[in-house]
Amino acid sequence: MICSKCEKEVIVNCSSGSGVICFPCYSGRSLKLYAAASDLIIRRGWGHHVTGWVLAPSYASWANKLTDHIMPYMVDNGAWTDHLKGVERKPEELLDRTLKLCERVLESGASVRFMVLPDVVGSWHKTKLSLQSIDKPEGFKLALPIQDGFKVEDVKLMVEKFDPSYLFIGGSGYSFKKHAIENLKFLNIPFHVGRVHKLEHLCELSLIQEVESVDTSTFSRPQRKQ
């Protein structure tokens, strides 16, 4: 397939009509797409869309394996993997290993676009307690995680404390992500939306100007949109 606008090869057709439109032309802007650093197969068909790597503690060694594909990293705190394993770590431990991973990225010759502050998946209350217990780390741009049950006033207080470059929208599902974006966009802080795994959601988010970037790990076998 060839895009009807830019005339480049298209692996995934974002148009629901009769025409063929590639993802960048569909969004009309340069939405940053981060791919899991351990999932190199994602480059088959999506390599020309990917602008950075997601790196988490569970696959930290990839910081030294991607020297031929140097792109900026977003460094995750690993809370999602811990959540899947039923593990809940102290915020100091989450922060310490995230900072160490950032340093490892720099040692590899790559750059860190931002790092995610400690959070607890699915719970703003626990996330807020975690954020209250730590000091603002220095040396890297920060992403403030937003989880289910957030209160706008609480978020404003955390913004004052950490001065984040991004709001990291986590949470339990896509409906929550849309809710968070709508209620927090007045803060004028760019959004990074985590774990976007459906093409229709990716295309929808690409049209929201406040969303600067998203990450995914499951577009390794993209399908044509009919």
N, C-alpha and C. Protein backbone atom coordinates (compact mmCIF):
# COMPACT_ATOMS: atom_id res chain seq x y z
N MET A 1 0.84 -1.21 0.00
CA MET A 1 0.00 0.00 0.00
C MET A 1 0.87 1.25 0.00
N ILE A 2 0.41 2.27 -0.68
CA ILE A 2 1.11 3.55 -0.75
C ILE A 2 0.19 4.64 -0.19
N CYS A 3 0.74 5.47 0.70
CA CYS A 3 -0.05 6.55 1.29
C CYS A 3 -0.47 7.54 0.21
N SER A 4 -1.73 7.91 0.23
CA SER A 4 -2.26 8.82 -0.78
C SER A 4 -1.77 10.26 -0.57
N LYS A 5 -1.17 10.56 0.59
CA LYS A 5 -0.69 11.91 0.85
C LYS A 5 0.81 12.05 0.65
N CYS A 6 1.58 11.18 1.34
CA CYS A 6 3.04 11.33 1.27
C CYS A 6 3.68 10.38 0.26
N GLU A 7 2.88 9.44 -0.28
CA GLU A 7 3.31 8.49 -1.30
C GLU A 7 4.41 7.56 -0.81
N LYS A 8 4.47 7.34 0.53
CA LYS A 8 5.41 6.37 1.09
C LYS A 8 4.67 5.07 1.37
N GLU A 9 5.44 3.98 1.52
CA GLU A 9 4.84 2.68 1.78
C GLU A 9 4.12 2.69 3.12
N VAL A 10 2.95 2.08 3.18
CA VAL A 10 2.13 2.04 4.38
C VAL A 10 1.96 0.59 4.81
N ILE A 11 2.30 0.30 6.06
CA ILE A 11 2.06 -1.03 6.62
C ILE A 11 0.67 -1.08 7.26
N VAL A 12 0.31 0.00 7.95
CA VAL A 12 -0.99 0.07 8.61
C VAL A 12 -1.78 1.23 8.02
N ASN A 13 -2.93 0.92 7.47
CA ASN A 13 -3.78 1.95 6.89
C ASN A 13 -4.67 2.55 7.99
N CYS A 14 -4.48 3.83 8.30
CA CYS A 14 -5.25 4.48 9.37
C CYS A 14 -6.59 5.02 8.88
N SER A 15 -6.85 4.95 7.60
CA SER A 15 -8.11 5.46 7.07
C SER A 15 -9.20 4.40 7.15
N SER A 16 -10.40 4.84 7.56
CA SER A 16 -11.54 3.92 7.57
C SER A 16 -12.34 4.02 6.28
N GLY A 17 -11.90 4.91 5.40
CA GLY A 17 -12.58 5.08 4.12
C GLY A 17 -11.90 4.28 3.03
N SER A 18 -12.06 4.74 1.80
CA SER A 18 -11.52 4.00 0.67
C SER A 18 -10.06 4.33 0.40
N GLY A 19 -9.58 5.47 0.93
CA GLY A 19 -8.21 5.87 0.69
C GLY A 19 -7.24 5.17 1.63
N VAL A 20 -5.96 5.37 1.38
CA VAL A 20 -4.90 4.80 2.22
C VAL A 20 -4.11 5.95 2.83
N ILE A 21 -4.01 5.98 4.15
CA ILE A 21 -3.30 7.05 4.85
C ILE A 21 -2.39 6.45 5.91
N CYS A 22 -1.13 6.82 5.90
CA CYS A 22 -0.20 6.32 6.91
C CYS A 22 -0.41 7.06 8.23
N PHE A 23 0.18 6.53 9.28
CA PHE A 23 -0.05 7.10 10.60
C PHE A 23 0.40 8.56 10.72
N PRO A 24 1.62 8.94 10.30
CA PRO A 24 2.02 10.35 10.43
C PRO A 24 1.11 11.31 9.67
N CYS A 25 0.67 10.92 8.48
CA CYS A 25 -0.23 11.79 7.71
C CYS A 25 -1.60 11.86 8.35
N TYR A 26 -2.04 10.75 8.95
CA TYR A 26 -3.34 10.73 9.61
C TYR A 26 -3.36 11.70 10.78
N SER A 27 -2.31 11.67 11.59
CA SER A 27 -2.28 12.54 12.77
C SER A 27 -2.00 13.98 12.41
N GLY A 28 -1.29 14.19 11.30
CA GLY A 28 -0.99 15.55 10.88
C GLY A 28 0.08 16.23 11.72
N ARG A 29 0.74 15.47 12.57
CA ARG A 29 1.80 16.03 13.42
C ARG A 29 2.72 14.90 13.85
N SER A 30 3.81 15.27 14.51
CA SER A 30 4.82 14.28 14.87
C SER A 30 4.59 13.75 16.28
N LEU A 31 3.55 12.94 16.47
CA LEU A 31 3.33 12.26 17.74
C LEU A 31 4.49 11.30 17.98
N LYS A 32 5.11 11.39 19.14
CA LYS A 32 6.25 10.52 19.44
C LYS A 32 5.74 9.15 19.89
N LEU A 33 6.27 8.09 19.27
CA LEU A 33 5.87 6.73 19.59
C LEU A 33 7.07 5.99 20.14
N TYR A 34 6.94 5.51 21.37
CA TYR A 34 8.01 4.74 22.02
C TYR A 34 7.68 3.26 21.97
N ALA A 35 8.68 2.45 21.64
CA ALA A 35 8.52 1.01 21.59
C ALA A 35 9.33 0.37 22.70
N ALA A 36 8.84 -0.77 23.20
CA ALA A 36 9.58 -1.49 24.23
C ALA A 36 10.96 -1.87 23.70
N ALA A 37 11.98 -1.55 24.44
CA ALA A 37 13.35 -1.77 23.96
C ALA A 37 13.67 -3.25 23.77
N SER A 38 12.95 -4.13 24.46
CA SER A 38 13.21 -5.57 24.33
C SER A 38 12.45 -6.19 23.17
N ASP A 39 11.66 -5.41 22.45
CA ASP A 39 10.78 -5.94 21.42
C ASP A 39 11.19 -5.40 20.06
N LEU A 40 12.38 -5.81 19.59
CA LEU A 40 12.91 -5.28 18.34
C LEU A 40 12.05 -5.63 17.13
N ILE A 41 11.22 -6.67 17.26
CA ILE A 41 10.38 -7.06 16.12
C ILE A 41 9.41 -5.95 15.75
N ILE A 42 9.17 -5.04 16.70
CA ILE A 42 8.25 -3.95 16.40
C ILE A 42 8.75 -3.08 15.24
N ARG A 43 10.05 -3.15 14.98
CA ARG A 43 10.61 -2.35 13.90
C ARG A 43 10.18 -2.90 12.54
N ARG A 44 9.65 -4.10 12.49
CA ARG A 44 9.17 -4.65 11.23
C ARG A 44 7.82 -4.03 10.89
N GLY A 45 7.88 -2.99 10.14
CA GLY A 45 6.65 -2.32 9.73
C GLY A 45 6.37 -1.04 10.48
N TRP A 46 6.91 -0.91 11.71
CA TRP A 46 6.67 0.31 12.46
C TRP A 46 7.96 1.07 12.75
N GLY A 47 9.08 0.60 12.24
CA GLY A 47 10.35 1.24 12.53
C GLY A 47 10.39 2.71 12.15
N HIS A 48 9.73 3.07 11.04
CA HIS A 48 9.78 4.46 10.59
C HIS A 48 8.83 5.34 11.38
N HIS A 49 8.01 4.75 12.29
CA HIS A 49 7.15 5.53 13.16
C HIS A 49 7.76 5.70 14.55
N VAL A 50 8.61 4.76 14.96
CA VAL A 50 9.17 4.76 16.31
C VAL A 50 10.22 5.86 16.46
N THR A 51 10.09 6.65 17.52
CA THR A 51 11.03 7.76 17.74
C THR A 51 11.80 7.61 19.04
N GLY A 52 11.55 6.53 19.79
CA GLY A 52 12.27 6.34 21.04
C GLY A 52 11.99 4.97 21.63
N TRP A 53 12.78 4.62 22.64
CA TRP A 53 12.65 3.32 23.29
C TRP A 53 12.07 3.49 24.70
N VAL A 54 11.27 2.51 25.11
CA VAL A 54 10.86 2.38 26.50
C VAL A 54 11.84 1.42 27.15
N LEU A 55 12.39 1.81 28.29
CA LEU A 55 13.31 0.93 29.00
C LEU A 55 12.87 0.82 30.45
N ALA A 56 12.68 -0.41 30.90
CA ALA A 56 12.25 -0.67 32.27
C ALA A 56 13.29 -1.56 32.95
N PRO A 57 13.30 -1.60 34.28
CA PRO A 57 14.31 -2.40 35.00
C PRO A 57 14.31 -3.88 34.62
N SER A 58 13.16 -4.43 34.23
CA SER A 58 13.08 -5.85 33.91
C SER A 58 13.89 -6.23 32.67
N TYR A 59 14.21 -5.25 31.81
CA TYR A 59 15.07 -5.53 30.66
C TYR A 59 16.12 -4.43 30.52
N ALA A 60 16.77 -4.15 31.64
CA ALA A 60 17.76 -3.07 31.69
C ALA A 60 18.94 -3.30 30.76
N SER A 61 19.28 -4.57 30.51
CA SER A 61 20.46 -4.87 29.69
C SER A 61 20.33 -4.36 28.27
N TRP A 62 19.08 -4.08 27.84
CA TRP A 62 18.90 -3.57 26.48
C TRP A 62 19.48 -2.18 26.30
N ALA A 63 19.79 -1.51 27.38
CA ALA A 63 20.43 -0.19 27.26
C ALA A 63 21.77 -0.30 26.56
N ASN A 64 22.39 -1.48 26.62
CA ASN A 64 23.69 -1.67 25.99
C ASN A 64 23.60 -2.49 24.70
N LYS A 65 22.39 -2.88 24.30
CA LYS A 65 22.23 -3.72 23.11
C LYS A 65 21.73 -2.94 21.90
N LEU A 66 21.29 -1.72 22.11
CA LEU A 66 20.69 -0.95 21.02
C LEU A 66 21.61 0.13 20.48
N THR A 67 22.90 -0.13 20.54
CA THR A 67 23.87 0.88 20.11
C THR A 67 23.78 1.17 18.62
N ASP A 68 23.20 0.25 17.84
CA ASP A 68 23.03 0.50 16.41
C ASP A 68 21.72 1.21 16.11
N HIS A 69 20.90 1.41 17.14
CA HIS A 69 19.59 2.04 16.96
C HIS A 69 19.40 3.11 18.03
N ILE A 70 20.39 3.99 18.14
CA ILE A 70 20.34 4.96 19.23
C ILE A 70 19.23 5.97 19.00
N MET A 71 18.28 5.95 19.90
CA MET A 71 17.18 6.91 19.94
C MET A 71 16.99 7.27 21.40
N PRO A 72 16.29 8.35 21.69
CA PRO A 72 16.07 8.72 23.09
C PRO A 72 15.27 7.64 23.83
N TYR A 73 15.50 7.55 25.12
CA TYR A 73 14.78 6.60 25.96
C TYR A 73 13.81 7.33 26.89
N MET A 74 12.65 6.73 27.11
CA MET A 74 11.85 7.07 28.28
C MET A 74 12.12 5.94 29.26
N VAL A 75 12.54 6.29 30.46
CA VAL A 75 12.92 5.28 31.44
C VAL A 75 11.77 5.08 32.43
N ASP A 76 11.23 3.87 32.41
CA ASP A 76 10.09 3.53 33.25
C ASP A 76 10.58 3.08 34.62
N ASN A 77 9.70 3.17 35.62
CA ASN A 77 10.10 2.77 36.97
C ASN A 77 9.87 1.29 37.24
N GLY A 78 9.20 0.58 36.34
CA GLY A 78 8.99 -0.85 36.51
C GLY A 78 7.80 -1.23 37.35
N ALA A 79 6.96 -0.25 37.72
CA ALA A 79 5.82 -0.53 38.58
C ALA A 79 4.83 -1.49 37.92
N TRP A 80 4.68 -1.40 36.60
CA TRP A 80 3.73 -2.27 35.91
C TRP A 80 4.16 -3.74 36.02
N THR A 81 5.44 -4.01 35.80
CA THR A 81 5.95 -5.38 35.93
C THR A 81 5.77 -5.88 37.36
N ASP A 82 6.07 -5.03 38.33
CA ASP A 82 5.87 -5.40 39.74
C ASP A 82 4.40 -5.72 40.00
N HIS A 83 3.52 -4.91 39.41
CA HIS A 83 2.08 -5.12 39.58
C HIS A 83 1.66 -6.49 39.05
N LEU A 84 2.18 -6.87 37.89
CA LEU A 84 1.84 -8.16 37.30
C LEU A 84 2.35 -9.31 38.17
N LYS A 85 3.44 -9.07 38.88
CA LYS A 85 4.02 -10.11 39.74
C LYS A 85 3.45 -10.08 41.16
N GLY A 86 2.59 -9.10 41.43
CA GLY A 86 2.03 -8.99 42.76
C GLY A 86 3.00 -8.42 43.77
N VAL A 87 3.98 -7.64 43.28
CA VAL A 87 5.01 -7.06 44.15
C VAL A 87 4.76 -5.57 44.31
N GLU A 88 4.87 -5.06 45.52
CA GLU A 88 4.74 -3.63 45.76
C GLU A 88 5.99 -3.15 46.49
N ARG A 89 6.79 -2.34 45.80
CA ARG A 89 8.07 -1.90 46.34
C ARG A 89 7.96 -0.54 47.02
N LYS A 90 8.92 -0.26 47.88
CA LYS A 90 8.98 1.04 48.52
C LYS A 90 9.32 2.10 47.47
N PRO A 91 8.77 3.30 47.59
CA PRO A 91 9.03 4.35 46.59
C PRO A 91 10.51 4.68 46.46
N GLU A 92 11.25 4.61 47.57
CA GLU A 92 12.68 4.89 47.51
C GLU A 92 13.40 3.88 46.63
N GLU A 93 12.96 2.62 46.69
CA GLU A 93 13.56 1.59 45.87
C GLU A 93 13.24 1.81 44.39
N LEU A 94 11.97 2.15 44.11
CA LEU A 94 11.58 2.44 42.73
C LEU A 94 12.39 3.60 42.16
N LEU A 95 12.53 4.65 42.95
CA LEU A 95 13.25 5.82 42.48
C LEU A 95 14.72 5.51 42.27
N ASP A 96 15.33 4.80 43.20
CA ASP A 96 16.76 4.49 43.10
C ASP A 96 17.07 3.67 41.86
N ARG A 97 16.26 2.64 41.59
CA ARG A 97 16.58 1.81 40.42
C ARG A 97 16.28 2.54 39.11
N THR A 98 15.31 3.46 39.13
CA THR A 98 15.03 4.24 37.92
C THR A 98 16.20 5.18 37.62
N LEU A 99 16.73 5.83 38.65
CA LEU A 99 17.88 6.72 38.46
C LEU A 99 19.10 5.94 37.98
N LYS A 100 19.31 4.74 38.52
CA LYS A 100 20.45 3.92 38.09
C LYS A 100 20.29 3.51 36.64
N LEU A 101 19.05 3.24 36.23
CA LEU A 101 18.80 2.87 34.84
C LEU A 101 19.05 4.06 33.91
N CYS A 102 18.69 5.26 34.36
CA CYS A 102 18.98 6.46 33.58
C CYS A 102 20.48 6.62 33.36
N GLU A 103 21.25 6.40 34.41
CA GLU A 103 22.70 6.51 34.30
C GLU A 103 23.25 5.46 33.34
N ARG A 104 22.66 4.28 33.36
CA ARG A 104 23.10 3.22 32.46
C ARG A 104 22.85 3.60 31.01
N VAL A 105 21.73 4.25 30.76
CA VAL A 105 21.43 4.72 29.40
C VAL A 105 22.48 5.72 28.94
N LEU A 106 22.83 6.67 29.80
CA LEU A 106 23.83 7.66 29.44
C LEU A 106 25.18 7.02 29.17
N GLU A 107 25.52 6.00 29.95
CA GLU A 107 26.79 5.29 29.74
C GLU A 107 26.81 4.57 28.40
N SER A 108 25.64 4.20 27.88
CA SER A 108 25.57 3.51 26.59
C SER A 108 25.75 4.45 25.41
N GLY A 109 25.70 5.77 25.69
CA GLY A 109 25.84 6.76 24.64
C GLY A 109 24.53 7.33 24.15
N ALA A 110 23.43 6.85 24.71
CA ALA A 110 22.11 7.35 24.32
C ALA A 110 21.67 8.44 25.30
N SER A 111 20.46 8.96 25.09
CA SER A 111 19.96 10.04 25.94
C SER A 111 18.65 9.63 26.59
N VAL A 112 18.34 10.28 27.70
CA VAL A 112 17.09 10.04 28.42
C VAL A 112 16.17 11.22 28.16
N ARG A 113 15.03 10.95 27.54
CA ARG A 113 14.08 12.05 27.30
C ARG A 113 13.36 12.40 28.59
N PHE A 114 12.96 11.37 29.35
CA PHE A 114 12.39 11.61 30.68
C PHE A 114 12.35 10.30 31.45
N MET A 115 12.21 10.40 32.77
CA MET A 115 12.05 9.23 33.64
C MET A 115 10.73 9.35 34.39
N VAL A 116 10.14 8.19 34.71
CA VAL A 116 8.84 8.16 35.38
C VAL A 116 9.04 8.07 36.89
N LEU A 117 8.41 8.97 37.62
CA LEU A 117 8.48 8.96 39.07
C LEU A 117 7.74 7.73 39.63
N PRO A 118 8.00 7.36 40.88
CA PRO A 118 7.36 6.17 41.47
C PRO A 118 5.84 6.28 41.50
N ASP A 119 5.19 5.14 41.24
CA ASP A 119 3.73 5.08 41.35
C ASP A 119 3.29 3.67 41.71
N VAL A 120 2.00 3.52 41.99
CA VAL A 120 1.41 2.21 42.26
C VAL A 120 0.26 2.05 41.28
N VAL A 121 0.33 1.03 40.44
CA VAL A 121 -0.64 0.84 39.37
C VAL A 121 -2.05 0.74 39.94
N GLY A 122 -2.96 1.55 39.38
CA GLY A 122 -4.37 1.48 39.73
C GLY A 122 -4.78 2.21 40.99
N SER A 123 -3.84 2.89 41.66
CA SER A 123 -4.18 3.56 42.91
C SER A 123 -3.51 4.93 43.01
N TRP A 124 -4.30 5.98 42.84
CA TRP A 124 -3.75 7.31 43.04
C TRP A 124 -3.41 7.55 44.51
N HIS A 125 -4.21 7.01 45.43
CA HIS A 125 -3.95 7.20 46.86
C HIS A 125 -2.55 6.71 47.23
N LYS A 126 -2.22 5.49 46.81
CA LYS A 126 -0.89 4.94 47.11
C LYS A 126 0.20 5.67 46.34
N THR A 127 -0.13 6.07 45.11
CA THR A 127 0.84 6.84 44.31
C THR A 127 1.15 8.17 44.99
N LYS A 128 0.11 8.85 45.47
CA LYS A 128 0.31 10.13 46.15
C LYS A 128 1.18 9.96 47.39
N LEU A 129 0.93 8.91 48.17
CA LEU A 129 1.74 8.66 49.36
C LEU A 129 3.20 8.41 48.98
N SER A 130 3.41 7.68 47.89
CA SER A 130 4.77 7.43 47.40
C SER A 130 5.47 8.73 47.03
N LEU A 131 4.75 9.59 46.30
CA LEU A 131 5.34 10.85 45.84
C LEU A 131 5.60 11.80 47.01
N GLN A 132 4.75 11.75 48.01
CA GLN A 132 4.95 12.60 49.18
C GLN A 132 6.17 12.20 49.99
N SER A 133 6.57 10.93 49.88
CA SER A 133 7.65 10.41 50.73
C SER A 133 9.05 10.59 50.13
N ILE A 134 9.13 11.07 48.89
CA ILE A 134 10.44 11.22 48.25
C ILE A 134 10.72 12.68 47.91
N ASP A 135 12.00 12.98 47.74
CA ASP A 135 12.40 14.31 47.29
C ASP A 135 12.48 14.33 45.77
N LYS A 136 12.42 15.51 45.22
CA LYS A 136 12.52 15.66 43.77
C LYS A 136 13.91 15.25 43.30
N PRO A 137 14.00 14.26 42.41
CA PRO A 137 15.31 13.88 41.86
C PRO A 137 15.82 14.93 40.87
N GLU A 138 17.11 15.04 40.77
CA GLU A 138 17.72 16.03 39.88
C GLU A 138 18.45 15.34 38.73
N GLY A 139 18.64 16.05 37.66
CA GLY A 139 19.46 15.57 36.56
C GLY A 139 18.71 15.07 35.34
N PHE A 140 17.41 14.79 35.49
CA PHE A 140 16.64 14.27 34.37
C PHE A 140 15.26 14.92 34.35
N LYS A 141 14.67 15.00 33.15
CA LYS A 141 13.29 15.45 33.05
C LYS A 141 12.38 14.39 33.67
N LEU A 142 11.33 14.86 34.32
CA LEU A 142 10.47 13.96 35.08
C LEU A 142 9.08 13.85 34.47
N ALA A 143 8.50 12.66 34.63
CA ALA A 143 7.10 12.44 34.25
C ALA A 143 6.34 12.09 35.52
N LEU A 144 5.29 12.85 35.80
CA LEU A 144 4.47 12.62 36.98
C LEU A 144 3.38 11.60 36.64
N PRO A 145 3.37 10.44 37.29
CA PRO A 145 2.37 9.41 36.97
C PRO A 145 0.99 9.74 37.52
N ILE A 146 -0.03 9.49 36.70
CA ILE A 146 -1.42 9.71 37.09
C ILE A 146 -2.13 8.36 37.09
N GLN A 147 -2.77 8.04 38.23
CA GLN A 147 -3.43 6.75 38.37
C GLN A 147 -4.90 6.92 38.73
N ASP A 148 -5.63 5.82 38.70
CA ASP A 148 -7.06 5.82 38.99
C ASP A 148 -7.35 6.47 40.35
N GLY A 149 -8.39 7.30 40.37
CA GLY A 149 -8.80 7.94 41.61
C GLY A 149 -8.12 9.27 41.88
N PHE A 150 -7.37 9.79 40.89
CA PHE A 150 -6.66 11.05 41.11
C PHE A 150 -7.63 12.18 41.41
N LYS A 151 -7.17 13.11 42.21
CA LYS A 151 -7.90 14.34 42.49
C LYS A 151 -7.10 15.50 41.92
N VAL A 152 -7.77 16.37 41.23
CA VAL A 152 -7.10 17.48 40.54
C VAL A 152 -6.25 18.30 41.50
N GLU A 153 -6.78 18.59 42.68
CA GLU A 153 -6.02 19.40 43.65
C GLU A 153 -4.76 18.68 44.08
N ASP A 154 -4.83 17.36 44.25
CA ASP A 154 -3.63 16.59 44.59
C ASP A 154 -2.59 16.68 43.49
N VAL A 155 -3.05 16.53 42.26
CA VAL A 155 -2.12 16.59 41.12
C VAL A 155 -1.45 17.95 41.06
N LYS A 156 -2.19 19.01 41.30
CA LYS A 156 -1.61 20.35 41.28
C LYS A 156 -0.51 20.49 42.33
N LEU A 157 -0.71 19.89 43.51
CA LEU A 157 0.31 19.94 44.56
C LEU A 157 1.57 19.17 44.14
N MET A 158 1.37 18.03 43.49
CA MET A 158 2.52 17.24 43.04
C MET A 158 3.26 17.95 41.89
N VAL A 159 2.52 18.66 41.08
CA VAL A 159 3.14 19.45 40.01
C VAL A 159 4.02 20.54 40.61
N GLU A 160 3.53 21.18 41.66
CA GLU A 160 4.32 22.22 42.34
C GLU A 160 5.60 21.64 42.94
N LYS A 161 5.51 20.43 43.47
CA LYS A 161 6.66 19.81 44.12
C LYS A 161 7.71 19.34 43.13
N PHE A 162 7.28 18.70 42.04
CA PHE A 162 8.23 18.03 41.13
C PHE A 162 8.49 18.78 39.84
N ASP A 163 7.67 19.78 39.50
CA ASP A 163 7.83 20.53 38.26
C ASP A 163 8.06 19.59 37.08
N PRO A 164 7.14 18.67 36.82
CA PRO A 164 7.36 17.65 35.78
C PRO A 164 7.31 18.23 34.37
N SER A 165 8.07 17.59 33.48
CA SER A 165 8.03 17.96 32.07
C SER A 165 6.87 17.28 31.36
N TYR A 166 6.37 16.18 31.95
CA TYR A 166 5.27 15.42 31.36
C TYR A 166 4.35 14.91 32.46
N LEU A 167 3.09 14.67 32.10
CA LEU A 167 2.17 13.90 32.91
C LEU A 167 2.07 12.52 32.27
N PHE A 168 2.42 11.50 33.03
CA PHE A 168 2.39 10.13 32.52
C PHE A 168 1.04 9.53 32.86
N ILE A 169 0.22 9.25 31.85
CA ILE A 169 -1.12 8.73 32.08
C ILE A 169 -1.08 7.21 32.07
N GLY A 170 -1.17 6.64 33.27
CA GLY A 170 -1.21 5.19 33.41
C GLY A 170 -2.65 4.74 33.53
N GLY A 171 -2.95 4.10 34.66
CA GLY A 171 -4.34 3.76 34.93
C GLY A 171 -4.79 2.42 34.40
N SER A 172 -6.05 2.11 34.66
CA SER A 172 -6.58 0.77 34.44
C SER A 172 -7.05 0.51 33.01
N GLY A 173 -7.31 1.52 32.25
CA GLY A 173 -7.82 1.27 30.90
C GLY A 173 -7.91 2.55 30.09
N TYR A 174 -8.33 2.40 28.82
CA TYR A 174 -8.34 3.53 27.90
C TYR A 174 -9.35 4.60 28.31
N SER A 175 -10.50 4.20 28.84
CA SER A 175 -11.49 5.19 29.26
C SER A 175 -10.94 6.09 30.36
N PHE A 176 -10.15 5.50 31.26
CA PHE A 176 -9.52 6.31 32.29
C PHE A 176 -8.53 7.29 31.68
N LYS A 177 -7.76 6.84 30.72
CA LYS A 177 -6.76 7.70 30.10
C LYS A 177 -7.42 8.94 29.47
N LYS A 178 -8.52 8.72 28.77
CA LYS A 178 -9.25 9.84 28.16
C LYS A 178 -9.80 10.78 29.23
N HIS A 179 -10.30 10.21 30.32
CA HIS A 179 -10.83 11.01 31.44
C HIS A 179 -9.72 11.87 32.03
N ALA A 180 -8.55 11.29 32.25
CA ALA A 180 -7.44 12.04 32.85
C ALA A 180 -6.98 13.17 31.95
N ILE A 181 -6.87 12.89 30.66
CA ILE A 181 -6.44 13.92 29.71
C ILE A 181 -7.41 15.10 29.71
N GLU A 182 -8.70 14.79 29.66
CA GLU A 182 -9.72 15.84 29.61
C GLU A 182 -9.70 16.71 30.87
N ASN A 183 -9.46 16.10 32.02
CA ASN A 183 -9.54 16.83 33.28
C ASN A 183 -8.24 17.49 33.71
N LEU A 184 -7.13 17.14 33.05
CA LEU A 184 -5.84 17.70 33.46
C LEU A 184 -5.17 18.54 32.38
N LYS A 185 -5.78 18.67 31.22
CA LYS A 185 -5.12 19.41 30.14
C LYS A 185 -4.99 20.89 30.44
N PHE A 186 -5.77 21.41 31.39
CA PHE A 186 -5.68 22.83 31.76
C PHE A 186 -4.33 23.15 32.41
N LEU A 187 -3.60 22.14 32.86
CA LEU A 187 -2.30 22.35 33.49
C LEU A 187 -1.23 22.74 32.46
N ASN A 188 -1.52 22.52 31.19
CA ASN A 188 -0.60 22.87 30.09
C ASN A 188 0.74 22.15 30.21
N ILE A 189 0.67 20.89 30.63
CA ILE A 189 1.85 20.03 30.68
C ILE A 189 1.63 18.90 29.66
N PRO A 190 2.58 18.65 28.78
CA PRO A 190 2.38 17.62 27.76
C PRO A 190 2.09 16.25 28.39
N PHE A 191 1.25 15.48 27.73
CA PHE A 191 0.92 14.14 28.20
C PHE A 191 1.77 13.09 27.51
N HIS A 192 2.19 12.09 28.29
CA HIS A 192 2.66 10.84 27.71
C HIS A 192 1.66 9.78 28.16
N VAL A 193 1.12 9.02 27.21
CA VAL A 193 0.10 8.03 27.53
C VAL A 193 0.73 6.63 27.43
N GLY A 194 0.67 5.91 28.54
CA GLY A 194 1.30 4.60 28.59
C GLY A 194 0.41 3.47 28.11
N ARG A 195 1.04 2.44 27.54
CA ARG A 195 0.39 1.20 27.13
C ARG A 195 -0.83 1.43 26.23
N VAL A 196 -0.55 1.96 25.07
CA VAL A 196 -1.60 2.13 24.04
C VAL A 196 -1.41 1.01 23.03
N HIS A 197 -2.30 0.04 23.04
CA HIS A 197 -2.07 -1.17 22.27
C HIS A 197 -3.07 -1.42 21.14
N LYS A 198 -4.02 -0.50 20.95
CA LYS A 198 -4.97 -0.65 19.86
C LYS A 198 -4.79 0.48 18.86
N LEU A 199 -4.81 0.13 17.59
CA LEU A 199 -4.58 1.11 16.54
C LEU A 199 -5.58 2.25 16.60
N GLU A 200 -6.86 1.93 16.85
CA GLU A 200 -7.87 2.98 16.89
C GLU A 200 -7.62 3.97 18.02
N HIS A 201 -7.09 3.48 19.15
CA HIS A 201 -6.75 4.37 20.25
C HIS A 201 -5.54 5.23 19.91
N LEU A 202 -4.57 4.63 19.27
CA LEU A 202 -3.39 5.38 18.85
C LEU A 202 -3.77 6.50 17.91
N CYS A 203 -4.62 6.21 16.95
CA CYS A 203 -5.05 7.23 15.98
C CYS A 203 -5.85 8.32 16.67
N GLU A 204 -6.71 7.94 17.60
CA GLU A 204 -7.52 8.93 18.31
C GLU A 204 -6.64 9.86 19.14
N LEU A 205 -5.68 9.29 19.85
CA LEU A 205 -4.79 10.11 20.69
C LEU A 205 -3.91 11.02 19.83
N SER A 206 -3.59 10.58 18.63
CA SER A 206 -2.73 11.39 17.76
C SER A 206 -3.40 12.71 17.37
N LEU A 207 -4.72 12.78 17.51
CA LEU A 207 -5.45 13.99 17.15
C LEU A 207 -5.62 14.95 18.33
N ILE A 208 -5.17 14.53 19.52
CA ILE A 208 -5.26 15.39 20.71
C ILE A 208 -3.94 16.12 20.88
N GLN A 209 -3.95 17.42 20.67
CA GLN A 209 -2.71 18.18 20.63
C GLN A 209 -1.92 18.12 21.93
N GLU A 210 -2.61 17.97 23.05
CA GLU A 210 -1.92 17.94 24.34
C GLU A 210 -1.12 16.65 24.55
N VAL A 211 -1.42 15.61 23.78
CA VAL A 211 -0.70 14.34 23.89
C VAL A 211 0.56 14.42 23.03
N GLU A 212 1.71 14.43 23.67
CA GLU A 212 2.97 14.54 22.93
C GLU A 212 3.52 13.17 22.54
N SER A 213 3.28 12.15 23.38
CA SER A 213 3.89 10.85 23.10
C SER A 213 3.07 9.72 23.72
N VAL A 214 3.27 8.52 23.17
CA VAL A 214 2.63 7.31 23.68
C VAL A 214 3.66 6.19 23.64
N ASP A 215 3.37 5.10 24.37
CA ASP A 215 4.24 3.93 24.24
C ASP A 215 3.40 2.69 24.02
N THR A 216 4.00 1.71 23.35
CA THR A 216 3.33 0.46 23.04
C THR A 216 4.36 -0.65 22.97
N SER A 217 3.90 -1.88 23.14
CA SER A 217 4.78 -3.03 22.96
C SER A 217 4.11 -4.13 22.16
N THR A 218 2.91 -3.88 21.66
CA THR A 218 2.17 -4.96 21.01
C THR A 218 1.75 -4.66 19.58
N PHE A 219 2.45 -3.75 18.91
CA PHE A 219 2.19 -3.55 17.48
C PHE A 219 3.22 -4.31 16.64
N SER A 220 3.74 -5.42 17.19
CA SER A 220 4.79 -6.15 16.50
C SER A 220 4.28 -6.81 15.21
N ARG A 221 2.98 -7.08 15.15
CA ARG A 221 2.40 -7.63 13.91
C ARG A 221 1.21 -6.77 13.54
N PRO A 222 1.48 -5.56 13.02
CA PRO A 222 0.38 -4.66 12.71
C PRO A 222 -0.58 -5.22 11.68
N GLN A 223 -1.86 -4.93 11.88
CA GLN A 223 -2.89 -5.37 10.96
C GLN A 223 -3.46 -4.19 10.20
N ARG A 224 -3.88 -4.43 8.99
CA ARG A 224 -4.50 -3.38 8.21
C ARG A 224 -5.86 -3.04 8.81
N LYS A 225 -6.15 -1.75 8.87
CA LYS A 225 -7.46 -1.34 9.34
C LYS A 225 -8.43 -1.37 8.18
N GLN A 226 -9.51 -2.13 8.34
CA GLN A 226 -10.48 -2.29 7.24
C GLN A 226 -11.44 -1.12 7.20
